[in-house]
PDB file of N, CA and C in Angstrom:
ATOM      1  N   MET A   1       9.318  -3.468  13.735  1.00  0.00           N
ATOM      2  CA  MET A   1       9.447  -4.913  13.699  1.00  0.00           C
ATOM      3  C   MET A   1       8.254  -5.532  14.427  1.00  0.00           C
ATOM      4  N   ALA A   2       7.683  -6.542  13.837  1.00  0.00           N
ATOM      5  CA  ALA A   2       6.537  -7.222  14.432  1.00  0.00           C
ATOM      6  C   ALA A   2       6.957  -8.015  15.660  1.00  0.00           C
ATOM      7  N   ARG A   3       6.038  -8.123  16.582  1.00  0.00           N
ATOM      8  CA  ARG A   3       6.274  -8.883  17.795  1.00  0.00           C
ATOM      9  C   ARG A   3       6.200 -10.379  17.487  1.00  0.00           C
ATOM     10  N   LEU A   4       6.979 -11.174  18.169  1.00  0.00           N
ATOM     11  CA  LEU A   4       6.911 -12.626  18.012  1.00  0.00           C
ATOM     12  C   LEU A   4       5.586 -13.132  18.571  1.00  0.00           C
ATOM     13  N   PRO A   5       5.055 -14.202  17.997  1.00  0.00           N
ATOM     14  CA  PRO A   5       3.789 -14.736  18.509  1.00  0.00           C
ATOM     15  C   PRO A   5       3.918 -15.160  19.973  1.00  0.00           C
ATOM     16  N   ARG A   6       2.867 -14.930  20.732  1.00  0.00           N
ATOM     17  CA  ARG A   6       2.831 -15.311  22.145  1.00  0.00           C
ATOM     18  C   ARG A   6       2.696 -16.838  22.238  1.00  0.00           C
ATOM     19  N   ILE A   7       3.438 -17.435  23.142  1.00  0.00           N
ATOM     20  CA  ILE A   7       3.313 -18.871  23.395  1.00  0.00           C
ATOM     21  C   ILE A   7       2.151 -19.063  24.354  1.00  0.00           C
ATOM     22  N   VAL A   8       1.157 -19.823  23.911  1.00  0.00           N
ATOM     23  CA  VAL A   8      -0.026 -20.064  24.729  1.00  0.00           C
ATOM     24  C   VAL A   8      -0.043 -21.522  25.138  1.00  0.00           C
ATOM     25  N   VAL A   9       0.009 -21.755  26.457  1.00  0.00           N
ATOM     26  CA  VAL A   9      -0.058 -23.105  27.005  1.00  0.00           C
ATOM     27  C   VAL A   9      -1.355 -23.190  27.802  1.00  0.00           C
ATOM     28  N   PRO A  10      -2.278 -24.034  27.379  1.00  0.00           N
ATOM     29  CA  PRO A  10      -3.537 -24.144  28.109  1.00  0.00           C
ATOM     30  C   PRO A  10      -3.313 -24.404  29.594  1.00  0.00           C
ATOM     31  N   GLY A  11      -4.047 -23.681  30.437  1.00  0.00           N
ATOM     32  CA  GLY A  11      -3.935 -23.851  31.881  1.00  0.00           C
ATOM     33  C   GLY A  11      -2.831 -23.017  32.518  1.00  0.00           C
ATOM     34  N   GLN A  12      -2.028 -22.317  31.733  1.00  0.00           N
ATOM     35  CA  GLN A  12      -0.950 -21.479  32.273  1.00  0.00           C
ATOM     36  C   GLN A  12      -1.353 -20.009  32.175  1.00  0.00           C
ATOM     37  N   PRO A  13      -1.269 -19.271  33.281  1.00  0.00           N
ATOM     38  CA  PRO A  13      -1.675 -17.861  33.268  1.00  0.00           C
ATOM     39  C   PRO A  13      -0.799 -17.011  32.351  1.00  0.00           C
ATOM     40  N   LEU A  14      -1.419 -15.987  31.778  1.00  0.00           N
ATOM     41  CA  LEU A  14      -0.730 -15.020  30.916  1.00  0.00           C
ATOM     42  C   LEU A  14      -0.919 -13.622  31.487  1.00  0.00           C
ATOM     43  N   HIS A  15       0.141 -12.831  31.475  1.00  0.00           N
ATOM     44  CA  HIS A  15       0.036 -11.404  31.800  1.00  0.00           C
ATOM     45  C   HIS A  15       0.068 -10.674  30.473  1.00  0.00           C
ATOM     46  N   ILE A  16      -1.016  -9.984  30.155  1.00  0.00           N
ATOM     47  CA  ILE A  16      -1.130  -9.287  28.882  1.00  0.00           C
ATOM     48  C   ILE A  16      -1.247  -7.795  29.149  1.00  0.00           C
ATOM     49  N   VAL A  17      -0.459  -7.009  28.414  1.00  0.00           N
ATOM     50  CA  VAL A  17      -0.534  -5.554  28.487  1.00  0.00           C
ATOM     51  C   VAL A  17      -1.016  -5.063  27.130  1.00  0.00           C
ATOM     52  N   GLN A  18      -2.037  -4.248  27.147  1.00  0.00           N
ATOM     53  CA  GLN A  18      -2.614  -3.695  25.922  1.00  0.00           C
ATOM     54  C   GLN A  18      -2.558  -2.174  26.048  1.00  0.00           C
ATOM     55  N   ARG A  19      -1.874  -1.520  25.107  1.00  0.00           N
ATOM     56  CA  ARG A  19      -1.687  -0.067  25.175  1.00  0.00           C
ATOM     57  C   ARG A  19      -2.412   0.633  24.030  1.00  0.00           C
ATOM     58  N   GLY A  20      -2.730   1.903  24.255  1.00  0.00           N
ATOM     59  CA  GLY A  20      -3.287   2.741  23.210  1.00  0.00           C
ATOM     60  C   GLY A  20      -2.197   3.115  22.213  1.00  0.00           C
ATOM     61  N   ASN A  21      -2.573   3.548  21.030  1.00  0.00           N
ATOM     62  CA  ASN A  21      -1.601   3.978  20.019  1.00  0.00           C
ATOM     63  C   ASN A  21      -0.743   5.108  20.563  1.00  0.00           C
ATOM     64  N   ASN A  22       0.555   4.963  20.430  1.00  0.00           N
ATOM     65  CA  ASN A  22       1.505   5.964  20.923  1.00  0.00           C
ATOM     66  C   ASN A  22       1.263   6.314  22.383  1.00  0.00           C
ATOM     67  N   ARG A  23       0.731   5.356  23.113  1.00  0.00           N
ATOM     68  CA  ARG A  23       0.433   5.505  24.547  1.00  0.00           C
ATOM     69  C   ARG A  23      -0.567   6.619  24.841  1.00  0.00           C
ATOM     70  N   HIS A  24      -1.404   6.931  23.867  1.00  0.00           N
ATOM     71  CA  HIS A  24      -2.455   7.918  24.084  1.00  0.00           C
ATOM     72  C   HIS A  24      -3.591   7.279  24.881  1.00  0.00           C
ATOM     73  N   PRO A  25      -4.391   8.083  25.545  1.00  0.00           N
ATOM     74  CA  PRO A  25      -5.518   7.535  26.323  1.00  0.00           C
ATOM     75  C   PRO A  25      -6.472   6.715  25.458  1.00  0.00           C
ATOM     76  N   THR A  26      -6.998   5.671  26.070  1.00  0.00           N
ATOM     77  CA  THR A  26      -7.994   4.842  25.402  1.00  0.00           C
ATOM     78  C   THR A  26      -9.340   4.895  26.124  1.00  0.00           C
ATOM     79  N   PHE A  27      -9.322   5.336  27.363  1.00  0.00           N
ATOM     80  CA  PHE A  27     -10.541   5.481  28.149  1.00  0.00           C
ATOM     81  C   PHE A  27     -10.735   6.958  28.474  1.00  0.00           C
ATOM     82  N   PHE A  28     -11.935   7.458  28.227  1.00  0.00           N
ATOM     83  CA  PHE A  28     -12.207   8.876  28.445  1.00  0.00           C
ATOM     84  C   PHE A  28     -13.336   9.108  29.443  1.00  0.00           C
ATOM     85  N   SER A  29     -14.145   8.068  29.686  1.00  0.00           N
ATOM     86  CA  SER A  29     -15.259   8.216  30.627  1.00  0.00           C
ATOM     87  C   SER A  29     -15.515   6.871  31.305  1.00  0.00           C
ATOM     88  N   ASP A  30     -16.341   6.902  32.331  1.00  0.00           N
ATOM     89  CA  ASP A  30     -16.707   5.659  33.017  1.00  0.00           C
ATOM     90  C   ASP A  30     -17.400   4.680  32.072  1.00  0.00           C
ATOM     91  N   MET A  31     -18.117   5.203  31.097  1.00  0.00           N
ATOM     92  CA  MET A  31     -18.801   4.340  30.124  1.00  0.00           C
ATOM     93  C   MET A  31     -17.791   3.558  29.277  1.00  0.00           C
ATOM     94  N   ASP A  32     -16.651   4.174  28.974  1.00  0.00           N
ATOM     95  CA  ASP A  32     -15.605   3.481  28.207  1.00  0.00           C
ATOM     96  C   ASP A  32     -15.070   2.295  28.989  1.00  0.00           C
ATOM     97  N   TYR A  33     -14.815   2.487  30.285  1.00  0.00           N
ATOM     98  CA  TYR A  33     -14.328   1.392  31.133  1.00  0.00           C
ATOM     99  C   TYR A  33     -15.363   0.260  31.188  1.00  0.00           C
ATOM    100  N   GLN A  34     -16.630   0.622  31.371  1.00  0.00           N
ATOM    101  CA  GLN A  34     -17.681  -0.394  31.459  1.00  0.00           C
ATOM    102  C   GLN A  34     -17.839  -1.153  30.148  1.00  0.00           C
ATOM    103  N   PHE A  35     -17.758  -0.447  29.029  1.00  0.00           N
ATOM    104  CA  PHE A  35     -17.841  -1.104  27.722  1.00  0.00           C
ATOM    105  C   PHE A  35     -16.711  -2.121  27.567  1.00  0.00           C
ATOM    106  N   TYR A  36     -15.499  -1.742  27.956  1.00  0.00           N
ATOM    107  CA  TYR A  36     -14.349  -2.640  27.846  1.00  0.00           C
ATOM    108  C   TYR A  36     -14.567  -3.884  28.711  1.00  0.00           C
ATOM    109  N   LEU A  37     -15.012  -3.687  29.949  1.00  0.00           N
ATOM    110  CA  LEU A  37     -15.223  -4.831  30.845  1.00  0.00           C
ATOM    111  C   LEU A  37     -16.316  -5.761  30.316  1.00  0.00           C
ATOM    112  N   ASP A  38     -17.366  -5.194  29.751  1.00  0.00           N
ATOM    113  CA  ASP A  38     -18.428  -6.026  29.163  1.00  0.00           C
ATOM    114  C   ASP A  38     -17.893  -6.826  27.974  1.00  0.00           C
ATOM    115  N   ALA A  39     -17.122  -6.168  27.110  1.00  0.00           N
ATOM    116  CA  ALA A  39     -16.534  -6.855  25.948  1.00  0.00           C
ATOM    117  C   ALA A  39     -15.534  -7.917  26.398  1.00  0.00           C
ATOM    118  N   LEU A  40     -14.784  -7.637  27.451  1.00  0.00           N
ATOM    119  CA  LEU A  40     -13.826  -8.615  27.986  1.00  0.00           C
ATOM    120  C   LEU A  40     -14.563  -9.854  28.488  1.00  0.00           C
ATOM    121  N   ALA A  41     -15.659  -9.667  29.197  1.00  0.00           N
ATOM    122  CA  ALA A  41     -16.425 -10.803  29.717  1.00  0.00           C
ATOM    123  C   ALA A  41     -16.965 -11.672  28.583  1.00  0.00           C
ATOM    124  N   VAL A  42     -17.499 -11.054  27.549  1.00  0.00           N
ATOM    125  CA  VAL A  42     -18.027 -11.804  26.406  1.00  0.00           C
ATOM    126  C   VAL A  42     -16.903 -12.560  25.701  1.00  0.00           C
ATOM    127  N   SER A  43     -15.778 -11.890  25.472  1.00  0.00           N
ATOM    128  CA  SER A  43     -14.651 -12.526  24.775  1.00  0.00           C
ATOM    129  C   SER A  43     -14.043 -13.651  25.599  1.00  0.00           C
ATOM    130  N   ALA A  44     -13.949 -13.456  26.903  1.00  0.00           N
ATOM    131  CA  ALA A  44     -13.385 -14.505  27.768  1.00  0.00           C
ATOM    132  C   ALA A  44     -14.235 -15.763  27.705  1.00  0.00           C
ATOM    133  N   GLU A  45     -15.537 -15.592  27.715  1.00  0.00           N
ATOM    134  CA  GLU A  45     -16.420 -16.753  27.618  1.00  0.00           C
ATOM    135  C   GLU A  45     -16.326 -17.399  26.238  1.00  0.00           C
ATOM    136  N   GLN A  46     -16.304 -16.564  25.199  1.00  0.00           N
ATOM    137  CA  GLN A  46     -16.251 -17.071  23.827  1.00  0.00           C
ATOM    138  C   GLN A  46     -14.971 -17.871  23.568  1.00  0.00           C
ATOM    139  N   TYR A  47     -13.841 -17.398  24.096  1.00  0.00           N
ATOM    140  CA  TYR A  47     -12.558 -18.053  23.828  1.00  0.00           C
ATOM    141  C   TYR A  47     -12.100 -18.974  24.950  1.00  0.00           C
ATOM    142  N   GLY A  48     -12.904 -19.151  25.980  1.00  0.00           N
ATOM    143  CA  GLY A  48     -12.573 -20.081  27.039  1.00  0.00           C
ATOM    144  C   GLY A  48     -11.395 -19.648  27.881  1.00  0.00           C
ATOM    145  N   CYS A  49     -11.423 -18.408  28.347  1.00  0.00           N
ATOM    146  CA  CYS A  49     -10.351 -17.889  29.204  1.00  0.00           C
ATOM    147  C   CYS A  49     -10.925 -17.472  30.548  1.00  0.00           C
ATOM    148  N   ALA A  50     -10.212 -17.791  31.610  1.00  0.00           N
ATOM    149  CA  ALA A  50     -10.582 -17.315  32.937  1.00  0.00           C
ATOM    150  C   ALA A  50      -9.827 -16.013  33.194  1.00  0.00           C
ATOM    151  N   VAL A  51     -10.552 -14.957  33.516  1.00  0.00           N
ATOM    152  CA  VAL A  51      -9.925 -13.670  33.833  1.00  0.00           C
ATOM    153  C   VAL A  51      -9.774 -13.604  35.355  1.00  0.00           C
ATOM    154  N   HIS A  52      -8.531 -13.577  35.821  1.00  0.00           N
ATOM    155  CA  HIS A  52      -8.260 -13.567  37.257  1.00  0.00           C
ATOM    156  C   HIS A  52      -8.172 -12.154  37.811  1.00  0.00           C
ATOM    157  N   ALA A  53      -7.603 -11.259  37.028  1.00  0.00           N
ATOM    158  CA  ALA A  53      -7.420  -9.884  37.496  1.00  0.00           C
ATOM    159  C   ALA A  53      -7.270  -8.965  36.289  1.00  0.00           C
ATOM    160  N   TYR A  54      -7.581  -7.708  36.510  1.00  0.00           N
ATOM    161  CA  TYR A  54      -7.376  -6.700  35.473  1.00  0.00           C
ATOM    162  C   TYR A  54      -7.117  -5.360  36.146  1.00  0.00           C
ATOM    163  N   VAL A  55      -6.396  -4.505  35.439  1.00  0.00           N
ATOM    164  CA  VAL A  55      -6.175  -3.126  35.854  1.00  0.00           C
ATOM    165  C   VAL A  55      -6.410  -2.273  34.618  1.00  0.00           C
ATOM    166  N   LEU A  56      -7.362  -1.362  34.722  1.00  0.00           N
ATOM    167  CA  LEU A  56      -7.670  -0.475  33.605  1.00  0.00           C
ATOM    168  C   LEU A  56      -7.108   0.910  33.927  1.00  0.00           C
ATOM    169  N   MET A  57      -6.074   1.298  33.206  1.00  0.00           N
ATOM    170  CA  MET A  57      -5.483   2.624  33.353  1.00  0.00           C
ATOM    171  C   MET A  57      -6.011   3.485  32.203  1.00  0.00           C
ATOM    172  N   THR A  58      -5.739   4.773  32.219  1.00  0.00           N
ATOM    173  CA  THR A  58      -6.278   5.635  31.174  1.00  0.00           C
ATOM    174  C   THR A  58      -5.732   5.290  29.795  1.00  0.00           C
ATOM    175  N   ASN A  59      -4.465   4.841  29.730  1.00  0.00           N
ATOM    176  CA  ASN A  59      -3.865   4.580  28.412  1.00  0.00           C
ATOM    177  C   ASN A  59      -3.431   3.136  28.190  1.00  0.00           C
ATOM    178  N   HIS A  60      -3.678   2.261  29.148  1.00  0.00           N
ATOM    179  CA  HIS A  60      -3.335   0.855  28.949  1.00  0.00           C
ATOM    180  C   HIS A  60      -4.107  -0.039  29.915  1.00  0.00           C
ATOM    181  N   VAL A  61      -4.021  -1.341  29.632  1.00  0.00           N
ATOM    182  CA  VAL A  61      -4.742  -2.353  30.404  1.00  0.00           C
ATOM    183  C   VAL A  61      -3.778  -3.476  30.746  1.00  0.00           C
ATOM    184  N   HIS A  62      -3.861  -3.995  31.957  1.00  0.00           N
ATOM    185  CA  HIS A  62      -3.154  -5.216  32.350  1.00  0.00           C
ATOM    186  C   HIS A  62      -4.206  -6.291  32.580  1.00  0.00           C
ATOM    187  N   LEU A  63      -3.986  -7.465  32.007  1.00  0.00           N
ATOM    188  CA  LEU A  63      -4.888  -8.598  32.196  1.00  0.00           C
ATOM    189  C   LEU A  63      -4.092  -9.792  32.700  1.00  0.00           C
ATOM    190  N   LEU A  64      -4.653 -10.514  33.658  1.00  0.00           N
ATOM    191  CA  LEU A  64      -4.109 -11.796  34.069  1.00  0.00           C
ATOM    192  C   LEU A  64      -5.191 -12.813  33.758  1.00  0.00           C
ATOM    193  N   LEU A  65      -4.930 -13.652  32.752  1.00  0.00           N
ATOM    194  CA  LEU A  65      -5.929 -14.627  32.349  1.00  0.00           C
ATOM    195  C   LEU A  65      -5.290 -15.972  32.059  1.00  0.00           C
ATOM    196  N   THR A  66      -6.118 -16.991  32.127  1.00  0.00           N
ATOM    197  CA  THR A  66      -5.668 -18.351  31.849  1.00  0.00           C
ATOM    198  C   THR A  66      -6.555 -18.957  30.774  1.00  0.00           C
ATOM    199  N   PRO A  67      -5.957 -19.321  29.634  1.00  0.00           N
ATOM    200  CA  PRO A  67      -6.740 -19.987  28.581  1.00  0.00           C
ATOM    201  C   PRO A  67      -6.992 -21.451  28.962  1.00  0.00           C
ATOM    202  N   LYS A  68      -8.181 -21.928  28.658  1.00  0.00           N
ATOM    203  CA  LYS A  68      -8.500 -23.336  28.916  1.00  0.00           C
ATOM    204  C   LYS A  68      -8.005 -24.223  27.783  1.00  0.00           C
ATOM    205  N   ASN A  69      -7.833 -23.638  26.601  1.00  0.00           N
ATOM    206  CA  ASN A  69      -7.320 -24.386  25.456  1.00  0.00           C
ATOM    207  C   ASN A  69      -6.642 -23.401  24.506  1.00  0.00           C
ATOM    208  N   ARG A  70      -5.987 -23.914  23.496  1.00  0.00           N
ATOM    209  CA  ARG A  70      -5.383 -23.028  22.488  1.00  0.00           C
ATOM    210  C   ARG A  70      -6.495 -22.422  21.664  1.00  0.00           C
ATOM    211  N   TYR A  71      -6.431 -21.152  21.425  1.00  0.00           N
ATOM    212  CA  TYR A  71      -7.462 -20.498  20.635  1.00  0.00           C
ATOM    213  C   TYR A  71      -6.819 -19.880  19.407  1.00  0.00           C
ATOM    214  N   GLN A  72      -7.600 -19.755  18.370  1.00  0.00           N
ATOM    215  CA  GLN A  72      -7.104 -19.261  17.090  1.00  0.00           C
ATOM    216  C   GLN A  72      -6.735 -17.787  17.127  1.00  0.00           C
ATOM    217  N   ARG A  73      -7.596 -16.999  17.712  1.00  0.00           N
ATOM    218  CA  ARG A  73      -7.426 -15.552  17.679  1.00  0.00           C
ATOM    219  C   ARG A  73      -7.247 -15.045  19.099  1.00  0.00           C
ATOM    220  N   PRO A  74      -6.270 -14.197  19.358  1.00  0.00           N
ATOM    221  CA  PRO A  74      -6.064 -13.708  20.719  1.00  0.00           C
ATOM    222  C   PRO A  74      -7.299 -12.980  21.244  1.00  0.00           C
ATOM    223  N   ILE A  75      -7.596 -13.196  22.495  1.00  0.00           N
ATOM    224  CA  ILE A  75      -8.787 -12.625  23.115  1.00  0.00           C
ATOM    225  C   ILE A  75      -8.763 -11.098  23.042  1.00  0.00           C
ATOM    226  N   VAL A  76      -7.603 -10.473  23.233  1.00  0.00           N
ATOM    227  CA  VAL A  76      -7.561  -9.008  23.259  1.00  0.00           C
ATOM    228  C   VAL A  76      -7.823  -8.396  21.905  1.00  0.00           C
ATOM    229  N   SER A  77      -7.562  -9.108  20.820  1.00  0.00           N
ATOM    230  CA  SER A  77      -7.849  -8.535  19.507  1.00  0.00           C
ATOM    231  C   SER A  77      -9.349  -8.491  19.253  1.00  0.00           C
ATOM    232  N   ASN A  78     -10.106  -9.299  19.960  1.00  0.00           N
ATOM    233  CA  ASN A  78     -11.549  -9.310  19.806  1.00  0.00           C
ATOM    234  C   ASN A  78     -12.211  -8.163  20.572  1.00  0.00           C
ATOM    235  N   ILE A  79     -11.518  -7.592  21.545  1.00  0.00           N
ATOM    236  CA  ILE A  79     -12.072  -6.527  22.382  1.00  0.00           C
ATOM    237  C   ILE A  79     -11.970  -5.176  21.706  1.00  0.00           C
ATOM    238  N   ASP A  80     -10.978  -4.978  20.866  1.00  0.00           N
ATOM    239  CA  ASP A  80     -10.728  -3.662  20.265  1.00  0.00           C
ATOM    240  C   ASP A  80     -11.921  -3.050  19.609  1.00  0.00           C
TER     241      ASP A  80
END
């Protein structure tokens, strides 16, 4: 079953969890972590989101971000 769309309220923080397929690892080296952080920074600027905190685990990511406005496409889908 598909997930319901996330309610996005500009100026309100969101806690986003992004997992690997079947909870398999998504990061295998330090370069993978750095690539993700670089892509996150570019996407946050592009979509007008402030990233307050992040936790990068081997098989998932936690993000705390605040959108400045409603955006068409979720920021995390642009990072994949």
